[in-house]
Amino acid sequence: MYDAAGRMAGHRVGAANGIDTAPWECTSYDANGRMTSQSWPAFNGAPARTAAYTYDVGGNPLTTSVTDAAGTITTTVDLLGRLVSYTDVTGKTSTTTFNQAGQVTATTGPQGAISNTYDPDSGTLATVTSAPTCWPPPTTTAPAAAWPRSPTPTAPPAPWATTAKATRTAWCSPARPPARW
């Protein structure tokens, strides 16, 4: 089935005994031709699902979101169409920054931050620096700025007891600890 603009608006999917019993997969569009919703029928034990697409989130034409029963994913692109921000259904945000040459200069997210520098003559990647990520995140009654970083999971530095009231030791490195943690 097609809408007045000739776009596919629905079709039957899945097994059926006849064309009139197959479930429908449907798509809706806004006046600009952008998808606003898509519905999928129940399949193979999974329930039916509908996703809603929102454009110009918060009045920003570069921000879009997709929402379904699991939550909302929000993305923002720059004027060149590059992804600069992604927020997942749990509210965790990752961002990417580019230089004028279009090279990634920084990436931040729930796992920490990475910054890149480039050779000014060749444009090749010169350095990659990652900020420490603590796992598990330290719990304290002091402000985050007072959290000391422990080089090993069993030997917190001496200032730990005097700068913050820690409730557990954190392991910090550029990456998460091994899976056995």
N, C-alpha and C. Protein backbone atom coordinates (compact mmCIF):
# COMPACT_ATOMS: atom_id res chain seq x y z
N MET A 1 0.85 -1.16 0.00
CA MET A 1 0.00 0.00 0.00
C MET A 1 0.91 1.24 0.00
N TYR A 2 0.53 2.25 -0.79
CA TYR A 2 1.31 3.46 -0.93
C TYR A 2 0.47 4.67 -0.54
N ASP A 3 1.15 5.73 -0.06
CA ASP A 3 0.40 6.95 0.26
C ASP A 3 0.27 7.82 -0.99
N ALA A 4 -0.33 9.00 -0.85
CA ALA A 4 -0.58 9.88 -1.99
C ALA A 4 0.70 10.36 -2.66
N ALA A 5 1.82 10.38 -1.90
CA ALA A 5 3.11 10.81 -2.46
C ALA A 5 3.86 9.66 -3.11
N GLY A 6 3.29 8.46 -3.11
CA GLY A 6 3.93 7.31 -3.73
C GLY A 6 4.89 6.56 -2.83
N ARG A 7 4.92 6.91 -1.55
CA ARG A 7 5.81 6.23 -0.60
C ARG A 7 5.11 5.00 -0.05
N MET A 8 5.90 3.97 0.25
CA MET A 8 5.31 2.79 0.84
C MET A 8 4.80 3.14 2.24
N ALA A 9 3.53 2.91 2.48
CA ALA A 9 2.92 3.22 3.78
C ALA A 9 2.60 1.95 4.55
N GLY A 10 2.56 0.83 3.89
CA GLY A 10 2.29 -0.41 4.58
C GLY A 10 2.41 -1.60 3.66
N HIS A 11 2.76 -2.71 4.25
CA HIS A 11 2.78 -3.96 3.51
C HIS A 11 2.59 -5.11 4.49
N ARG A 12 2.12 -6.21 3.97
CA ARG A 12 1.89 -7.38 4.81
C ARG A 12 3.19 -8.15 4.96
N VAL A 13 3.41 -8.66 6.17
CA VAL A 13 4.64 -9.39 6.46
C VAL A 13 4.32 -10.70 7.18
N GLY A 14 5.28 -11.61 7.16
CA GLY A 14 5.13 -12.84 7.91
C GLY A 14 4.32 -13.89 7.17
N ALA A 15 4.28 -15.04 7.78
CA ALA A 15 3.55 -16.16 7.20
C ALA A 15 2.05 -15.98 7.43
N ALA A 16 1.29 -16.41 6.48
CA ALA A 16 -0.16 -16.34 6.60
C ALA A 16 -0.77 -17.40 5.69
N ASN A 17 -1.97 -17.78 6.01
CA ASN A 17 -2.67 -18.75 5.18
C ASN A 17 -3.21 -18.09 3.92
N GLY A 18 -3.38 -16.80 3.96
CA GLY A 18 -3.87 -16.06 2.81
C GLY A 18 -3.47 -14.61 2.96
N ILE A 19 -3.49 -13.87 1.88
CA ILE A 19 -3.06 -12.48 1.91
C ILE A 19 -3.88 -11.65 2.88
N ASP A 20 -5.12 -12.00 3.09
CA ASP A 20 -5.98 -11.20 3.96
C ASP A 20 -5.75 -11.46 5.45
N THR A 21 -4.90 -12.44 5.81
CA THR A 21 -4.65 -12.72 7.23
C THR A 21 -3.24 -12.33 7.67
N ALA A 22 -2.37 -11.95 6.75
CA ALA A 22 -1.00 -11.56 7.11
C ALA A 22 -1.03 -10.22 7.83
N PRO A 23 -0.19 -10.06 8.88
CA PRO A 23 -0.17 -8.78 9.61
C PRO A 23 0.49 -7.68 8.78
N TRP A 24 0.20 -6.43 9.15
CA TRP A 24 0.71 -5.26 8.44
C TRP A 24 1.92 -4.65 9.15
N GLU A 25 2.86 -4.16 8.35
CA GLU A 25 3.93 -3.28 8.81
C GLU A 25 3.62 -1.93 8.19
N CYS A 26 3.49 -0.88 9.02
CA CYS A 26 3.03 0.42 8.53
C CYS A 26 4.03 1.53 8.82
N THR A 27 4.07 2.52 7.93
CA THR A 27 4.96 3.67 8.06
C THR A 27 4.16 4.94 7.79
N SER A 28 4.38 5.98 8.63
CA SER A 28 3.74 7.29 8.46
C SER A 28 4.82 8.33 8.21
N TYR A 29 4.45 9.39 7.48
CA TYR A 29 5.39 10.45 7.12
C TYR A 29 4.81 11.81 7.46
N ASP A 30 5.69 12.80 7.67
CA ASP A 30 5.22 14.17 7.88
C ASP A 30 5.16 14.89 6.53
N ALA A 31 4.80 16.17 6.55
CA ALA A 31 4.65 16.95 5.32
C ALA A 31 5.98 17.12 4.57
N ASN A 32 7.11 16.94 5.28
CA ASN A 32 8.42 17.05 4.65
C ASN A 32 8.94 15.72 4.13
N GLY A 33 8.12 14.67 4.24
CA GLY A 33 8.51 13.36 3.74
C GLY A 33 9.37 12.56 4.70
N ARG A 34 9.48 13.02 5.94
CA ARG A 34 10.28 12.31 6.93
C ARG A 34 9.40 11.30 7.67
N MET A 35 9.96 10.15 7.97
CA MET A 35 9.23 9.12 8.69
C MET A 35 8.87 9.62 10.09
N THR A 36 7.61 9.48 10.49
CA THR A 36 7.18 9.89 11.83
C THR A 36 6.84 8.71 12.72
N SER A 37 6.45 7.59 12.12
CA SER A 37 6.22 6.38 12.92
C SER A 37 6.34 5.16 12.04
N GLN A 38 6.71 4.07 12.68
CA GLN A 38 6.77 2.79 12.00
C GLN A 38 6.30 1.74 12.97
N SER A 39 5.42 0.87 12.49
CA SER A 39 4.85 -0.18 13.34
C SER A 39 5.18 -1.54 12.74
N TRP A 40 5.57 -2.46 13.61
CA TRP A 40 5.88 -3.82 13.22
C TRP A 40 4.94 -4.76 13.97
N PRO A 41 4.43 -5.77 13.32
CA PRO A 41 3.54 -6.71 14.01
C PRO A 41 4.33 -7.65 14.91
N ALA A 42 3.62 -8.33 15.80
CA ALA A 42 4.25 -9.35 16.63
C ALA A 42 4.86 -10.40 15.70
N PHE A 43 6.03 -10.91 16.11
CA PHE A 43 6.70 -11.89 15.26
C PHE A 43 7.56 -12.81 16.12
N ASN A 44 7.44 -14.10 15.90
CA ASN A 44 8.32 -15.08 16.52
C ASN A 44 8.38 -14.93 18.04
N GLY A 45 7.28 -14.62 18.68
CA GLY A 45 7.24 -14.47 20.13
C GLY A 45 7.49 -13.06 20.62
N ALA A 46 8.01 -12.19 19.77
CA ALA A 46 8.24 -10.80 20.16
C ALA A 46 6.94 -10.02 19.99
N PRO A 47 6.65 -9.09 20.90
CA PRO A 47 5.39 -8.34 20.79
C PRO A 47 5.43 -7.33 19.64
N ALA A 48 4.28 -6.85 19.26
CA ALA A 48 4.19 -5.79 18.26
C ALA A 48 4.92 -4.56 18.80
N ARG A 49 5.43 -3.74 17.89
CA ARG A 49 6.24 -2.60 18.32
C ARG A 49 5.98 -1.41 17.40
N THR A 50 5.98 -0.23 18.00
CA THR A 50 5.86 1.01 17.23
C THR A 50 6.96 1.97 17.67
N ALA A 51 7.61 2.58 16.70
CA ALA A 51 8.63 3.59 16.97
C ALA A 51 8.16 4.92 16.42
N ALA A 52 8.34 5.98 17.22
CA ALA A 52 7.97 7.34 16.79
C ALA A 52 9.25 8.14 16.56
N TYR A 53 9.31 8.84 15.45
CA TYR A 53 10.47 9.64 15.08
C TYR A 53 10.11 11.11 15.24
N THR A 54 10.96 11.85 15.97
CA THR A 54 10.72 13.27 16.22
C THR A 54 11.89 14.08 15.66
N TYR A 55 11.56 15.15 14.97
CA TYR A 55 12.57 16.02 14.36
C TYR A 55 12.50 17.39 15.02
N ASP A 56 13.59 18.13 14.93
CA ASP A 56 13.66 19.47 15.53
C ASP A 56 13.41 19.41 17.04
N VAL A 57 14.01 18.42 17.70
CA VAL A 57 13.83 18.25 19.14
C VAL A 57 14.31 19.50 19.86
N GLY A 58 13.48 20.03 20.75
CA GLY A 58 13.83 21.23 21.50
C GLY A 58 14.03 22.44 20.61
N GLY A 59 13.46 22.43 19.41
CA GLY A 59 13.62 23.54 18.49
C GLY A 59 14.92 23.51 17.71
N ASN A 60 15.73 22.45 17.88
CA ASN A 60 17.00 22.34 17.17
C ASN A 60 16.80 21.47 15.93
N PRO A 61 16.91 22.03 14.74
CA PRO A 61 16.68 21.24 13.53
C PRO A 61 17.74 20.16 13.30
N LEU A 62 18.81 20.19 14.06
CA LEU A 62 19.87 19.19 13.91
C LEU A 62 19.70 18.02 14.87
N THR A 63 18.67 18.05 15.71
CA THR A 63 18.46 17.01 16.70
C THR A 63 17.20 16.22 16.38
N THR A 64 17.34 14.89 16.42
CA THR A 64 16.21 13.99 16.18
C THR A 64 16.16 12.96 17.29
N SER A 65 14.99 12.34 17.44
CA SER A 65 14.88 11.27 18.43
C SER A 65 13.99 10.17 17.89
N VAL A 66 14.21 8.98 18.42
CA VAL A 66 13.39 7.81 18.11
C VAL A 66 12.94 7.25 19.45
N THR A 67 11.63 7.03 19.59
CA THR A 67 11.08 6.54 20.85
C THR A 67 10.25 5.29 20.59
N ASP A 68 10.46 4.28 21.43
CA ASP A 68 9.59 3.11 21.43
C ASP A 68 9.39 2.70 22.88
N ALA A 69 8.85 1.52 23.11
CA ALA A 69 8.56 1.08 24.48
C ALA A 69 9.82 0.99 25.34
N ALA A 70 10.98 0.81 24.74
CA ALA A 70 12.23 0.70 25.50
C ALA A 70 12.75 2.05 25.96
N GLY A 71 12.34 3.14 25.32
CA GLY A 71 12.82 4.46 25.69
C GLY A 71 13.10 5.31 24.46
N THR A 72 13.91 6.35 24.66
CA THR A 72 14.20 7.31 23.59
C THR A 72 15.70 7.37 23.32
N ILE A 73 16.05 7.40 22.05
CA ILE A 73 17.42 7.63 21.61
C ILE A 73 17.41 8.99 20.92
N THR A 74 18.33 9.87 21.31
CA THR A 74 18.40 11.21 20.72
C THR A 74 19.76 11.40 20.07
N THR A 75 19.76 11.93 18.86
CA THR A 75 21.01 12.20 18.16
C THR A 75 21.03 13.64 17.68
N THR A 76 22.24 14.20 17.64
CA THR A 76 22.45 15.54 17.10
C THR A 76 23.59 15.46 16.09
N VAL A 77 23.40 16.09 14.95
CA VAL A 77 24.45 16.16 13.94
C VAL A 77 24.88 17.61 13.79
N ASP A 78 26.07 17.81 13.21
CA ASP A 78 26.50 19.18 12.93
C ASP A 78 25.99 19.57 11.54
N LEU A 79 26.35 20.75 11.08
CA LEU A 79 25.86 21.23 9.78
C LEU A 79 26.39 20.43 8.60
N LEU A 80 27.41 19.60 8.84
CA LEU A 80 27.94 18.73 7.78
C LEU A 80 27.34 17.32 7.86
N GLY A 81 26.40 17.12 8.80
CA GLY A 81 25.74 15.83 8.93
C GLY A 81 26.50 14.81 9.76
N ARG A 82 27.56 15.23 10.44
CA ARG A 82 28.35 14.31 11.27
C ARG A 82 27.71 14.20 12.65
N LEU A 83 27.68 13.00 13.17
CA LEU A 83 27.11 12.77 14.50
C LEU A 83 27.99 13.44 15.55
N VAL A 84 27.41 14.35 16.35
CA VAL A 84 28.17 15.02 17.40
C VAL A 84 27.67 14.68 18.79
N SER A 85 26.46 14.12 18.90
CA SER A 85 25.94 13.74 20.21
C SER A 85 24.95 12.59 20.05
N TYR A 86 25.05 11.62 20.96
CA TYR A 86 24.16 10.46 20.95
C TYR A 86 23.79 10.17 22.40
N THR A 87 22.51 10.16 22.70
CA THR A 87 22.03 9.83 24.04
C THR A 87 21.20 8.56 23.94
N ASP A 88 21.59 7.53 24.70
CA ASP A 88 20.88 6.26 24.62
C ASP A 88 19.65 6.23 25.51
N VAL A 89 18.96 5.10 25.55
CA VAL A 89 17.71 5.00 26.29
C VAL A 89 17.91 5.11 27.80
N THR A 90 19.13 4.94 28.29
CA THR A 90 19.38 5.08 29.73
C THR A 90 19.81 6.50 30.09
N GLY A 91 19.90 7.39 29.09
CA GLY A 91 20.28 8.77 29.35
C GLY A 91 21.77 9.03 29.28
N LYS A 92 22.55 8.02 28.91
CA LYS A 92 24.00 8.20 28.80
C LYS A 92 24.32 8.85 27.45
N THR A 93 25.16 9.88 27.50
CA THR A 93 25.46 10.65 26.29
C THR A 93 26.92 10.48 25.89
N SER A 94 27.13 10.34 24.59
CA SER A 94 28.46 10.33 24.00
C SER A 94 28.53 11.50 23.03
N THR A 95 29.68 12.18 23.02
CA THR A 95 29.84 13.32 22.11
C THR A 95 31.12 13.18 21.31
N THR A 96 31.14 13.78 20.15
CA THR A 96 32.31 13.78 19.29
C THR A 96 32.55 15.21 18.82
N THR A 97 33.83 15.63 18.84
CA THR A 97 34.21 16.96 18.40
C THR A 97 35.17 16.82 17.22
N PHE A 98 35.01 17.69 16.24
CA PHE A 98 35.84 17.65 15.03
C PHE A 98 36.62 18.95 14.89
N ASN A 99 37.78 18.87 14.22
CA ASN A 99 38.51 20.10 13.89
C ASN A 99 38.06 20.58 12.51
N GLN A 100 38.64 21.68 12.02
CA GLN A 100 38.22 22.24 10.73
C GLN A 100 38.50 21.31 9.57
N ALA A 101 39.46 20.39 9.74
CA ALA A 101 39.78 19.42 8.69
C ALA A 101 38.83 18.22 8.71
N GLY A 102 37.91 18.20 9.68
CA GLY A 102 36.96 17.10 9.77
C GLY A 102 37.47 15.90 10.54
N GLN A 103 38.61 16.05 11.20
CA GLN A 103 39.17 14.95 11.99
C GLN A 103 38.59 14.97 13.40
N VAL A 104 38.39 13.79 13.96
CA VAL A 104 37.86 13.69 15.32
C VAL A 104 38.94 14.14 16.30
N THR A 105 38.63 15.16 17.10
CA THR A 105 39.60 15.66 18.08
C THR A 105 39.28 15.21 19.49
N ALA A 106 38.02 14.89 19.77
CA ALA A 106 37.66 14.44 21.11
C ALA A 106 36.39 13.60 21.05
N THR A 107 36.36 12.59 21.89
CA THR A 107 35.18 11.76 22.07
C THR A 107 34.99 11.58 23.56
N THR A 108 33.80 11.85 24.05
CA THR A 108 33.51 11.63 25.47
C THR A 108 32.26 10.78 25.57
N GLY A 109 32.21 9.99 26.63
CA GLY A 109 31.05 9.14 26.84
C GLY A 109 31.10 8.51 28.20
N PRO A 110 30.19 7.59 28.46
CA PRO A 110 30.11 6.95 29.77
C PRO A 110 31.39 6.23 30.18
N GLN A 111 32.20 5.80 29.22
CA GLN A 111 33.42 5.07 29.53
C GLN A 111 34.64 5.97 29.68
N GLY A 112 34.48 7.27 29.50
CA GLY A 112 35.60 8.18 29.65
C GLY A 112 35.74 9.09 28.45
N ALA A 113 36.92 9.64 28.28
CA ALA A 113 37.17 10.59 27.20
C ALA A 113 38.44 10.21 26.45
N ILE A 114 38.44 10.50 25.16
CA ILE A 114 39.61 10.27 24.32
C ILE A 114 39.83 11.55 23.52
N SER A 115 41.09 12.01 23.48
CA SER A 115 41.39 13.18 22.65
C SER A 115 42.48 12.80 21.65
N ASN A 116 42.39 13.37 20.49
CA ASN A 116 43.34 13.08 19.41
C ASN A 116 44.01 14.38 18.97
N THR A 117 45.29 14.28 18.63
CA THR A 117 45.97 15.41 17.99
C THR A 117 46.53 14.90 16.66
N TYR A 118 46.73 15.82 15.75
CA TYR A 118 47.17 15.45 14.41
C TYR A 118 48.41 16.23 14.04
N ASP A 119 49.26 15.61 13.24
CA ASP A 119 50.45 16.27 12.75
C ASP A 119 50.00 17.40 11.82
N PRO A 120 50.47 18.63 12.07
CA PRO A 120 49.99 19.76 11.27
C PRO A 120 50.46 19.70 9.80
N ASP A 121 51.55 18.99 9.54
CA ASP A 121 52.06 18.93 8.17
C ASP A 121 51.39 17.83 7.35
N SER A 122 51.31 16.64 7.94
CA SER A 122 50.77 15.50 7.18
C SER A 122 49.29 15.25 7.43
N GLY A 123 48.78 15.76 8.55
CA GLY A 123 47.38 15.52 8.89
C GLY A 123 47.13 14.15 9.48
N THR A 124 48.21 13.39 9.69
CA THR A 124 48.04 12.05 10.26
C THR A 124 47.90 12.13 11.77
N LEU A 125 47.31 11.13 12.33
CA LEU A 125 47.10 11.07 13.78
C LEU A 125 48.45 11.08 14.49
N ALA A 126 48.63 12.00 15.42
CA ALA A 126 49.90 12.13 16.14
C ALA A 126 49.81 11.51 17.53
N THR A 127 48.78 11.85 18.30
CA THR A 127 48.64 11.29 19.65
C THR A 127 47.19 10.98 19.95
N VAL A 128 47.02 10.00 20.81
CA VAL A 128 45.70 9.64 21.34
C VAL A 128 45.85 9.62 22.85
N THR A 129 45.03 10.38 23.54
CA THR A 129 45.09 10.44 24.99
C THR A 129 43.73 10.06 25.54
N SER A 130 43.73 9.14 26.49
CA SER A 130 42.45 8.77 27.09
C SER A 130 42.46 9.12 28.56
N ALA A 131 41.36 9.68 29.02
CA ALA A 131 41.22 10.04 30.42
C ALA A 131 40.89 8.78 31.21
N PRO A 132 41.37 8.68 32.43
CA PRO A 132 41.07 7.50 33.23
C PRO A 132 39.58 7.33 33.49
N THR A 133 39.18 6.08 33.49
CA THR A 133 37.82 5.73 33.83
C THR A 133 37.89 4.86 35.07
N CYS A 134 37.10 5.17 36.05
CA CYS A 134 37.11 4.37 37.28
C CYS A 134 36.02 3.32 37.21
N TRP A 135 36.36 2.12 37.63
CA TRP A 135 35.39 1.02 37.64
C TRP A 135 35.56 0.22 38.90
N PRO A 136 34.61 0.03 39.73
CA PRO A 136 33.35 0.74 39.63
C PRO A 136 33.54 2.20 40.02
N PRO A 137 32.61 3.08 39.62
CA PRO A 137 32.77 4.48 39.99
C PRO A 137 32.87 4.63 41.50
N PRO A 138 33.80 5.45 41.99
CA PRO A 138 33.93 5.60 43.43
C PRO A 138 32.68 6.23 44.04
N THR A 139 32.35 5.81 45.24
CA THR A 139 31.23 6.38 45.97
C THR A 139 31.80 7.14 47.14
N THR A 140 31.39 8.38 47.31
CA THR A 140 31.97 9.20 48.35
C THR A 140 30.95 10.24 48.80
N THR A 141 31.20 10.81 49.97
CA THR A 141 30.33 11.88 50.44
C THR A 141 30.92 13.24 50.09
N ALA A 142 32.14 13.25 49.50
CA ALA A 142 32.80 14.50 49.12
C ALA A 142 32.46 14.84 47.67
N PRO A 143 32.70 16.08 47.26
CA PRO A 143 32.47 16.44 45.86
C PRO A 143 33.35 15.59 44.94
N ALA A 144 32.91 15.43 43.70
CA ALA A 144 33.64 14.60 42.74
C ALA A 144 35.08 15.05 42.58
N ALA A 145 35.34 16.35 42.68
CA ALA A 145 36.70 16.85 42.51
C ALA A 145 37.65 16.32 43.57
N ALA A 146 37.12 15.85 44.68
CA ALA A 146 37.97 15.36 45.76
C ALA A 146 38.29 13.88 45.62
N TRP A 147 37.71 13.21 44.63
CA TRP A 147 37.99 11.78 44.48
C TRP A 147 39.41 11.55 44.04
N PRO A 148 40.22 10.91 44.83
CA PRO A 148 41.55 10.55 44.36
C PRO A 148 41.46 9.32 43.48
N ARG A 149 42.45 9.11 42.66
CA ARG A 149 42.47 7.96 41.76
C ARG A 149 43.46 6.92 42.28
N SER A 150 43.01 5.70 42.38
CA SER A 150 43.86 4.63 42.88
C SER A 150 44.52 3.90 41.73
N PRO A 151 45.84 3.72 41.75
CA PRO A 151 46.50 3.01 40.66
C PRO A 151 46.23 1.51 40.70
N THR A 152 45.89 0.99 41.85
CA THR A 152 45.56 -0.43 41.94
C THR A 152 44.29 -0.58 42.75
N PRO A 153 43.56 -1.68 42.55
CA PRO A 153 42.29 -1.83 43.26
C PRO A 153 42.45 -2.07 44.76
N THR A 154 43.64 -2.45 45.20
CA THR A 154 43.80 -2.79 46.61
C THR A 154 44.60 -1.78 47.41
N ALA A 155 45.17 -0.77 46.75
CA ALA A 155 46.03 0.17 47.47
C ALA A 155 45.66 1.62 47.19
N PRO A 156 44.59 2.11 47.82
CA PRO A 156 44.26 3.51 47.59
C PRO A 156 45.35 4.41 48.16
N PRO A 157 45.58 5.56 47.54
CA PRO A 157 46.60 6.46 48.04
C PRO A 157 46.23 7.01 49.42
N ALA A 158 47.24 7.46 50.13
CA ALA A 158 47.03 7.97 51.49
C ALA A 158 46.01 9.10 51.57
N PRO A 159 45.97 10.03 50.61
CA PRO A 159 45.02 11.13 50.73
C PRO A 159 43.56 10.68 50.69
N TRP A 160 43.32 9.46 50.26
CA TRP A 160 41.94 8.96 50.14
C TRP A 160 41.16 9.20 51.43
N ALA A 161 41.71 8.82 52.53
CA ALA A 161 40.99 8.91 53.80
C ALA A 161 40.82 10.36 54.26
N THR A 162 41.70 11.25 53.83
CA THR A 162 41.62 12.62 54.32
C THR A 162 40.84 13.55 53.39
N THR A 163 40.75 13.21 52.10
CA THR A 163 40.06 14.11 51.17
C THR A 163 38.61 13.71 50.93
N ALA A 164 38.28 12.47 51.18
CA ALA A 164 36.91 12.03 50.94
C ALA A 164 36.60 10.84 51.83
N LYS A 165 35.35 10.67 52.10
CA LYS A 165 34.93 9.52 52.89
C LYS A 165 34.49 8.44 51.91
N ALA A 166 35.43 7.60 51.51
CA ALA A 166 35.16 6.59 50.49
C ALA A 166 34.39 5.42 51.06
N THR A 167 33.51 4.88 50.23
CA THR A 167 32.78 3.69 50.65
C THR A 167 33.21 2.46 49.88
N ARG A 168 34.06 2.62 48.87
CA ARG A 168 34.65 1.49 48.17
C ARG A 168 35.86 1.97 47.38
N THR A 169 36.71 1.05 46.99
CA THR A 169 37.90 1.36 46.22
C THR A 169 37.58 1.25 44.74
N ALA A 170 38.13 2.13 43.95
CA ALA A 170 37.89 2.10 42.51
C ALA A 170 39.17 1.74 41.77
N TRP A 171 39.03 1.04 40.68
CA TRP A 171 40.13 0.69 39.81
C TRP A 171 40.10 1.65 38.65
N CYS A 172 41.19 2.37 38.38
CA CYS A 172 41.17 3.38 37.33
C CYS A 172 42.21 3.08 36.28
N SER A 173 41.80 3.20 35.04
CA SER A 173 42.71 3.04 33.91
C SER A 173 42.03 3.62 32.69
N PRO A 174 42.72 3.67 31.56
CA PRO A 174 42.07 4.18 30.35
C PRO A 174 40.92 3.30 29.87
N ALA A 175 40.87 2.08 30.33
CA ALA A 175 39.80 1.18 29.91
C ALA A 175 39.20 0.49 31.13
N ARG A 176 38.11 -0.19 30.92
CA ARG A 176 37.49 -0.94 32.00
C ARG A 176 38.40 -2.08 32.43
N PRO A 177 38.25 -2.56 33.66
CA PRO A 177 39.07 -3.67 34.11
C PRO A 177 38.66 -4.95 33.39
N PRO A 178 39.46 -6.01 33.55
CA PRO A 178 39.12 -7.27 32.92
C PRO A 178 37.73 -7.74 33.35
N ALA A 179 37.14 -8.59 32.53
CA ALA A 179 35.77 -9.06 32.77
C ALA A 179 35.61 -9.77 34.11
N ARG A 180 36.67 -10.28 34.68
CA ARG A 180 36.55 -11.01 35.95
C ARG A 180 36.16 -10.09 37.10
N TRP A 181 36.23 -8.78 36.90
CA TRP A 181 35.84 -7.84 37.94
C TRP A 181 34.39 -7.92 38.08
